[in-house]
Amino acid sequence: GDKVGYVLTDELISVVAENVHIDERQHSVCSYMFSKEKGDWKISLEHCSSLPDYSIRPGDDALYYFHNPVY
């Protein structure tokens, strides 16, 4: 809106390569609030949740190809 806005982000914390084809990833989901005060936008972190680690292996799903476009 004109005075308040929200953003939900998926933030990648770390990527560890087990080998050439397998990545292990840690990430979190955070929400931020934007509020307009006296013409200036302020941003504040509302909440962050760590998500379980996951591995991406060749052939698992489309995420593998999204994160590893070379393959």
PDB file of N, CA and C in Angstrom:
ATOM      1  N   GLY A   1       0.813  -1.182   0.000  1.00  0.00           N
ATOM      2  CA  GLY A   1       0.000   0.000   0.000  1.00  0.00           C
ATOM      3  C   GLY A   1       0.862   1.253   0.000  1.00  0.00           C
ATOM      4  N   ASP A   2       0.222   2.363   0.279  1.00  0.00           N
ATOM      5  CA  ASP A   2       0.926   3.643   0.296  1.00  0.00           C
ATOM      6  C   ASP A   2       1.794   3.821   1.537  1.00  0.00           C
ATOM      7  N   LYS A   3       1.437   3.143   2.637  1.00  0.00           N
ATOM      8  CA  LYS A   3       2.144   3.364   3.909  1.00  0.00           C
ATOM      9  C   LYS A   3       2.828   2.116   4.464  1.00  0.00           C
ATOM     10  N   VAL A   4       2.373   0.915   4.041  1.00  0.00           N
ATOM     11  CA  VAL A   4       2.925  -0.323   4.599  1.00  0.00           C
ATOM     12  C   VAL A   4       3.111  -1.343   3.480  1.00  0.00           C
ATOM     13  N   GLY A   5       4.198  -2.102   3.547  1.00  0.00           N
ATOM     14  CA  GLY A   5       4.438  -3.182   2.602  1.00  0.00           C
ATOM     15  C   GLY A   5       5.163  -4.323   3.293  1.00  0.00           C
ATOM     16  N   TYR A   6       5.031  -5.519   2.740  1.00  0.00           N
ATOM     17  CA  TYR A   6       5.669  -6.704   3.313  1.00  0.00           C
ATOM     18  C   TYR A   6       6.445  -7.445   2.234  1.00  0.00           C
ATOM     19  N   VAL A   7       7.560  -8.064   2.632  1.00  0.00           N
ATOM     20  CA  VAL A   7       8.352  -8.891   1.731  1.00  0.00           C
ATOM     21  C   VAL A   7       8.682 -10.189   2.452  1.00  0.00           C
ATOM     22  N   LEU A   8       8.496 -11.317   1.756  1.00  0.00           N
ATOM     23  CA  LEU A   8       8.889 -12.628   2.267  1.00  0.00           C
ATOM     24  C   LEU A   8      10.080 -13.084   1.430  1.00  0.00           C
ATOM     25  N   THR A   9      11.186 -13.429   2.089  1.00  0.00           N
ATOM     26  CA  THR A   9      12.395 -13.809   1.360  1.00  0.00           C
ATOM     27  C   THR A   9      12.852 -15.215   1.741  1.00  0.00           C
ATOM     28  N   ASP A  10      13.446 -15.890   0.786  1.00  0.00           N
ATOM     29  CA  ASP A  10      14.109 -17.169   1.028  1.00  0.00           C
ATOM     30  C   ASP A  10      15.599 -16.867   0.945  1.00  0.00           C
ATOM     31  N   GLU A  11      16.270 -16.870   2.087  1.00  0.00           N
ATOM     32  CA  GLU A  11      17.669 -16.463   2.142  1.00  0.00           C
ATOM     33  C   GLU A  11      18.580 -17.679   2.234  1.00  0.00           C
ATOM     34  N   LEU A  12      19.497 -17.785   1.300  1.00  0.00           N
ATOM     35  CA  LEU A  12      20.457 -18.881   1.284  1.00  0.00           C
ATOM     36  C   LEU A  12      21.572 -18.566   2.274  1.00  0.00           C
ATOM     37  N   ILE A  13      21.794 -19.459   3.232  1.00  0.00           N
ATOM     38  CA  ILE A  13      22.805 -19.242   4.261  1.00  0.00           C
ATOM     39  C   ILE A  13      24.145 -19.819   3.821  1.00  0.00           C
ATOM     40  N   SER A  14      24.134 -21.057   3.369  1.00  0.00           N
ATOM     41  CA  SER A  14      25.388 -21.667   2.925  1.00  0.00           C
ATOM     42  C   SER A  14      25.110 -22.773   1.924  1.00  0.00           C
ATOM     43  N   VAL A  15      26.112 -23.035   1.098  1.00  0.00           N
ATOM     44  CA  VAL A  15      26.063 -24.131   0.134  1.00  0.00           C
ATOM     45  C   VAL A  15      27.351 -24.916   0.294  1.00  0.00           C
ATOM     46  N   VAL A  16      27.223 -26.216   0.501  1.00  0.00           N
ATOM     47  CA  VAL A  16      28.388 -27.087   0.619  1.00  0.00           C
ATOM     48  C   VAL A  16      28.278 -28.138  -0.475  1.00  0.00           C
ATOM     49  N   ALA A  17      29.301 -28.256  -1.286  1.00  0.00           N
ATOM     50  CA  ALA A  17      29.292 -29.246  -2.353  1.00  0.00           C
ATOM     51  C   ALA A  17      29.855 -30.560  -1.829  1.00  0.00           C
ATOM     52  N   GLU A  18      29.012 -31.599  -1.848  1.00  0.00           N
ATOM     53  CA  GLU A  18      29.502 -32.936  -1.473  1.00  0.00           C
ATOM     54  C   GLU A  18      30.429 -33.464  -2.556  1.00  0.00           C
ATOM     55  N   ASN A  19      30.046 -33.202  -3.789  1.00  0.00           N
ATOM     56  CA  ASN A  19      30.884 -33.530  -4.941  1.00  0.00           C
ATOM     57  C   ASN A  19      30.399 -32.665  -6.102  1.00  0.00           C
ATOM     58  N   VAL A  20      30.810 -32.990  -7.298  1.00  0.00           N
ATOM     59  CA  VAL A  20      30.463 -32.156  -8.453  1.00  0.00           C
ATOM     60  C   VAL A  20      28.955 -32.072  -8.672  1.00  0.00           C
ATOM     61  N   HIS A  21      28.205 -33.110  -8.325  1.00  0.00           N
ATOM     62  CA  HIS A  21      26.789 -33.169  -8.663  1.00  0.00           C
ATOM     63  C   HIS A  21      25.838 -32.972  -7.490  1.00  0.00           C
ATOM     64  N   ILE A  22      26.327 -32.984  -6.258  1.00  0.00           N
ATOM     65  CA  ILE A  22      25.426 -32.928  -5.100  1.00  0.00           C
ATOM     66  C   ILE A  22      25.761 -31.717  -4.229  1.00  0.00           C
ATOM     67  N   ASP A  23      24.768 -30.879  -4.008  1.00  0.00           N
ATOM     68  CA  ASP A  23      24.925 -29.716  -3.130  1.00  0.00           C
ATOM     69  C   ASP A  23      24.080 -29.909  -1.886  1.00  0.00           C
ATOM     70  N   GLU A  24      24.595 -29.472  -0.737  1.00  0.00           N
ATOM     71  CA  GLU A  24      23.813 -29.445   0.490  1.00  0.00           C
ATOM     72  C   GLU A  24      23.599 -27.976   0.831  1.00  0.00           C
ATOM     73  N   ARG A  25      22.348 -27.594   1.057  1.00  0.00           N
ATOM     74  CA  ARG A  25      22.029 -26.184   1.227  1.00  0.00           C
ATOM     75  C   ARG A  25      21.317 -25.924   2.541  1.00  0.00           C
ATOM     76  N   GLN A  26      21.658 -24.799   3.174  1.00  0.00           N
ATOM     77  CA  GLN A  26      20.951 -24.333   4.362  1.00  0.00           C
ATOM     78  C   GLN A  26      20.341 -22.985   4.006  1.00  0.00           C
ATOM     79  N   HIS A  27      19.083 -22.809   4.370  1.00  0.00           N
ATOM     80  CA  HIS A  27      18.466 -21.522   4.089  1.00  0.00           C
ATOM     81  C   HIS A  27      17.388 -21.214   5.115  1.00  0.00           C
ATOM     82  N   SER A  28      16.937 -19.972   5.100  1.00  0.00           N
ATOM     83  CA  SER A  28      15.889 -19.550   6.025  1.00  0.00           C
ATOM     84  C   SER A  28      14.879 -18.689   5.275  1.00  0.00           C
ATOM     85  N   VAL A  29      13.692 -18.584   5.839  1.00  0.00           N
ATOM     86  CA  VAL A  29      12.645 -17.724   5.287  1.00  0.00           C
ATOM     87  C   VAL A  29      12.435 -16.588   6.274  1.00  0.00           C
ATOM     88  N   CYS A  30      12.491 -15.365   5.776  1.00  0.00           N
ATOM     89  CA  CYS A  30      12.352 -14.185   6.638  1.00  0.00           C
ATOM     90  C   CYS A  30      11.273 -13.263   6.078  1.00  0.00           C
ATOM     91  N   SER A  31      10.601 -12.567   6.975  1.00  0.00           N
ATOM     92  CA  SER A  31       9.624 -11.565   6.543  1.00  0.00           C
ATOM     93  C   SER A  31      10.062 -10.195   7.049  1.00  0.00           C
ATOM     94  N   TYR A  32       9.906  -9.213   6.188  1.00  0.00           N
ATOM     95  CA  TYR A  32      10.278  -7.837   6.496  1.00  0.00           C
ATOM     96  C   TYR A  32       9.065  -6.937   6.294  1.00  0.00           C
ATOM     97  N   MET A  33       8.969  -5.891   7.109  1.00  0.00           N
ATOM     98  CA  MET A  33       7.898  -4.917   6.964  1.00  0.00           C
ATOM     99  C   MET A  33       8.501  -3.574   6.567  1.00  0.00           C
ATOM    100  N   PHE A  34       7.896  -2.945   5.571  1.00  0.00           N
ATOM    101  CA  PHE A  34       8.260  -1.596   5.163  1.00  0.00           C
ATOM    102  C   PHE A  34       7.151  -0.663   5.623  1.00  0.00           C
ATOM    103  N   SER A  35       7.519   0.420   6.292  1.00  0.00           N
ATOM    104  CA  SER A  35       6.514   1.399   6.718  1.00  0.00           C
ATOM    105  C   SER A  35       7.009   2.797   6.360  1.00  0.00           C
ATOM    106  N   LYS A  36       6.072   3.630   5.947  1.00  0.00           N
ATOM    107  CA  LYS A  36       6.427   4.986   5.535  1.00  0.00           C
ATOM    108  C   LYS A  36       6.106   5.953   6.663  1.00  0.00           C
ATOM    109  N   GLU A  37       7.137   6.676   7.101  1.00  0.00           N
ATOM    110  CA  GLU A  37       6.976   7.663   8.166  1.00  0.00           C
ATOM    111  C   GLU A  37       7.581   8.984   7.711  1.00  0.00           C
ATOM    112  N   LYS A  38       6.773  10.025   7.686  1.00  0.00           N
ATOM    113  CA  LYS A  38       7.237  11.370   7.297  1.00  0.00           C
ATOM    114  C   LYS A  38       7.935  11.347   5.938  1.00  0.00           C
ATOM    115  N   GLY A  39       7.394  10.574   5.008  1.00  0.00           N
ATOM    116  CA  GLY A  39       7.932  10.526   3.654  1.00  0.00           C
ATOM    117  C   GLY A  39       9.095   9.580   3.447  1.00  0.00           C
ATOM    118  N   ASP A  40       9.641   9.004   4.519  1.00  0.00           N
ATOM    119  CA  ASP A  40      10.767   8.072   4.403  1.00  0.00           C
ATOM    120  C   ASP A  40      10.315   6.648   4.692  1.00  0.00           C
ATOM    121  N   TRP A  41      10.842   5.692   3.925  1.00  0.00           N
ATOM    122  CA  TRP A  41      10.530   4.285   4.161  1.00  0.00           C
ATOM    123  C   TRP A  41      11.486   3.716   5.197  1.00  0.00           C
ATOM    124  N   LYS A  42      10.962   2.977   6.134  1.00  0.00           N
ATOM    125  CA  LYS A  42      11.742   2.260   7.155  1.00  0.00           C
ATOM    126  C   LYS A  42      11.536   0.767   6.911  1.00  0.00           C
ATOM    127  N   ILE A  43      12.580  -0.016   7.152  1.00  0.00           N
ATOM    128  CA  ILE A  43      12.464  -1.472   7.009  1.00  0.00           C
ATOM    129  C   ILE A  43      12.758  -2.116   8.357  1.00  0.00           C
ATOM    130  N   SER A  44      11.965  -3.126   8.706  1.00  0.00           N
ATOM    131  CA  SER A  44      12.220  -3.851   9.952  1.00  0.00           C
ATOM    132  C   SER A  44      12.012  -5.340   9.717  1.00  0.00           C
ATOM    133  N   LEU A  45      12.879  -6.125  10.332  1.00  0.00           N
ATOM    134  CA  LEU A  45      12.780  -7.582  10.263  1.00  0.00           C
ATOM    135  C   LEU A  45      11.684  -8.027  11.216  1.00  0.00           C
ATOM    136  N   GLU A  46      10.713  -8.792  10.697  1.00  0.00           N
ATOM    137  CA  GLU A  46       9.636  -9.276  11.555  1.00  0.00           C
ATOM    138  C   GLU A  46       9.929 -10.655  12.115  1.00  0.00           C
ATOM    139  N   HIS A  47      10.401 -11.568  11.248  1.00  0.00           N
ATOM    140  CA  HIS A  47      10.579 -12.950  11.696  1.00  0.00           C
ATOM    141  C   HIS A  47      11.495 -13.694  10.729  1.00  0.00           C
ATOM    142  N   CYS A  48      12.319 -14.587  11.266  1.00  0.00           N
ATOM    143  CA  CYS A  48      13.135 -15.495  10.449  1.00  0.00           C
ATOM    144  C   CYS A  48      12.999 -16.911  10.986  1.00  0.00           C
ATOM    145  N   SER A  49      12.861 -17.869  10.093  1.00  0.00           N
ATOM    146  CA  SER A  49      12.799 -19.282  10.465  1.00  0.00           C
ATOM    147  C   SER A  49      13.813 -20.048   9.634  1.00  0.00           C
ATOM    148  N   SER A  50      14.652 -20.830  10.302  1.00  0.00           N
ATOM    149  CA  SER A  50      15.573 -21.700   9.579  1.00  0.00           C
ATOM    150  C   SER A  50      14.797 -22.889   9.044  1.00  0.00           C
ATOM    151  N   LEU A  51      15.099 -23.255   7.819  1.00  0.00           N
ATOM    152  CA  LEU A  51      14.458 -24.416   7.211  1.00  0.00           C
ATOM    153  C   LEU A  51      15.426 -25.586   7.259  1.00  0.00           C
ATOM    154  N   PRO A  52      14.908 -26.802   7.205  1.00  0.00           N
ATOM    155  CA  PRO A  52      15.791 -27.980   7.260  1.00  0.00           C
ATOM    156  C   PRO A  52      16.787 -27.977   6.105  1.00  0.00           C
ATOM    157  N   ASP A  53      17.976 -28.502   6.367  1.00  0.00           N
ATOM    158  CA  ASP A  53      18.965 -28.659   5.297  1.00  0.00           C
ATOM    159  C   ASP A  53      18.386 -29.595   4.250  1.00  0.00           C
ATOM    160  N   TYR A  54      18.786 -29.401   3.017  1.00  0.00           N
ATOM    161  CA  TYR A  54      18.361 -30.339   1.987  1.00  0.00           C
ATOM    162  C   TYR A  54      19.468 -30.503   0.965  1.00  0.00           C
ATOM    163  N   SER A  55      19.458 -31.629   0.321  1.00  0.00           N
ATOM    164  CA  SER A  55      20.440 -31.916  -0.718  1.00  0.00           C
ATOM    165  C   SER A  55      19.746 -31.914  -2.061  1.00  0.00           C
ATOM    166  N   ILE A  56      20.452 -31.452  -3.064  1.00  0.00           N
ATOM    167  CA  ILE A  56      19.944 -31.488  -4.429  1.00  0.00           C
ATOM    168  C   ILE A  56      20.820 -32.461  -5.199  1.00  0.00           C
ATOM    169  N   ARG A  57      20.205 -33.490  -5.717  1.00  0.00           N
ATOM    170  CA  ARG A  57      20.929 -34.511  -6.468  1.00  0.00           C
ATOM    171  C   ARG A  57      20.425 -34.534  -7.910  1.00  0.00           C
ATOM    172  N   PRO A  58      21.263 -34.926  -8.850  1.00  0.00           N
ATOM    173  CA  PRO A  58      20.816 -34.990 -10.242  1.00  0.00           C
ATOM    174  C   PRO A  58      19.556 -35.836 -10.369  1.00  0.00           C
ATOM    175  N   GLY A  59      18.571 -35.315 -11.075  1.00  0.00           N
ATOM    176  CA  GLY A  59      17.351 -36.070 -11.320  1.00  0.00           C
ATOM    177  C   GLY A  59      16.314 -35.985 -10.224  1.00  0.00           C
ATOM    178  N   ASP A  60      16.618 -35.347  -9.073  1.00  0.00           N
ATOM    179  CA  ASP A  60      15.639 -35.264  -7.981  1.00  0.00           C
ATOM    180  C   ASP A  60      14.395 -34.494  -8.398  1.00  0.00           C
ATOM    181  N   ASP A  61      14.575 -33.269  -8.823  1.00  0.00           N
ATOM    182  CA  ASP A  61      13.442 -32.446  -9.245  1.00  0.00           C
ATOM    183  C   ASP A  61      13.969 -31.230  -9.991  1.00  0.00           C
ATOM    184  N   ALA A  62      13.063 -30.351 -10.366  1.00  0.00           N
ATOM    185  CA  ALA A  62      13.439 -29.177 -11.156  1.00  0.00           C
ATOM    186  C   ALA A  62      14.362 -28.243 -10.389  1.00  0.00           C
ATOM    187  N   LEU A  63      14.332 -28.272  -9.052  1.00  0.00           N
ATOM    188  CA  LEU A  63      15.206 -27.394  -8.280  1.00  0.00           C
ATOM    189  C   LEU A  63      16.677 -27.634  -8.605  1.00  0.00           C
ATOM    190  N   TYR A  64      17.032 -28.878  -8.867  1.00  0.00           N
ATOM    191  CA  TYR A  64      18.427 -29.182  -9.194  1.00  0.00           C
ATOM    192  C   TYR A  64      18.861 -28.381 -10.418  1.00  0.00           C
ATOM    193  N   TYR A  65      18.012 -28.353 -11.422  1.00  0.00           N
ATOM    194  CA  TYR A  65      18.367 -27.669 -12.656  1.00  0.00           C
ATOM    195  C   TYR A  65      18.259 -26.154 -12.514  1.00  0.00           C
ATOM    196  N   PHE A  66      17.375 -25.699 -11.622  1.00  0.00           N
ATOM    197  CA  PHE A  66      17.258 -24.263 -11.362  1.00  0.00           C
ATOM    198  C   PHE A  66      18.524 -23.747 -10.681  1.00  0.00           C
ATOM    199  N   HIS A  67      19.010 -24.470  -9.682  1.00  0.00           N
ATOM    200  CA  HIS A  67      20.185 -24.036  -8.935  1.00  0.00           C
ATOM    201  C   HIS A  67      21.490 -24.369  -9.650  1.00  0.00           C
ATOM    202  N   ASN A  68      21.452 -25.307 -10.568  1.00  0.00           N
ATOM    203  CA  ASN A  68      22.653 -25.732 -11.285  1.00  0.00           C
ATOM    204  C   ASN A  68      22.388 -25.694 -12.789  1.00  0.00           C
ATOM    205  N   PRO A  69      22.231 -24.504 -13.358  1.00  0.00           N
ATOM    206  CA  PRO A  69      21.830 -24.413 -14.765  1.00  0.00           C
ATOM    207  C   PRO A  69      22.843 -24.994 -15.741  1.00  0.00           C
ATOM    208  N   VAL A  70      24.091 -25.190 -15.302  1.00  0.00           N
ATOM    209  CA  VAL A  70      25.100 -25.756 -16.198  1.00  0.00           C
ATOM    210  C   VAL A  70      24.751 -27.185 -16.579  1.00  0.00           C
ATOM    211  N   TYR A  71      24.146 -27.928 -15.651  1.00  0.00           N
ATOM    212  CA  TYR A  71      23.845 -29.329 -15.920  1.00  0.00           C
ATOM    213  C   TYR A  71      22.604 -29.413 -16.733  1.00  0.00           C
TER     214      TYR A  71
END
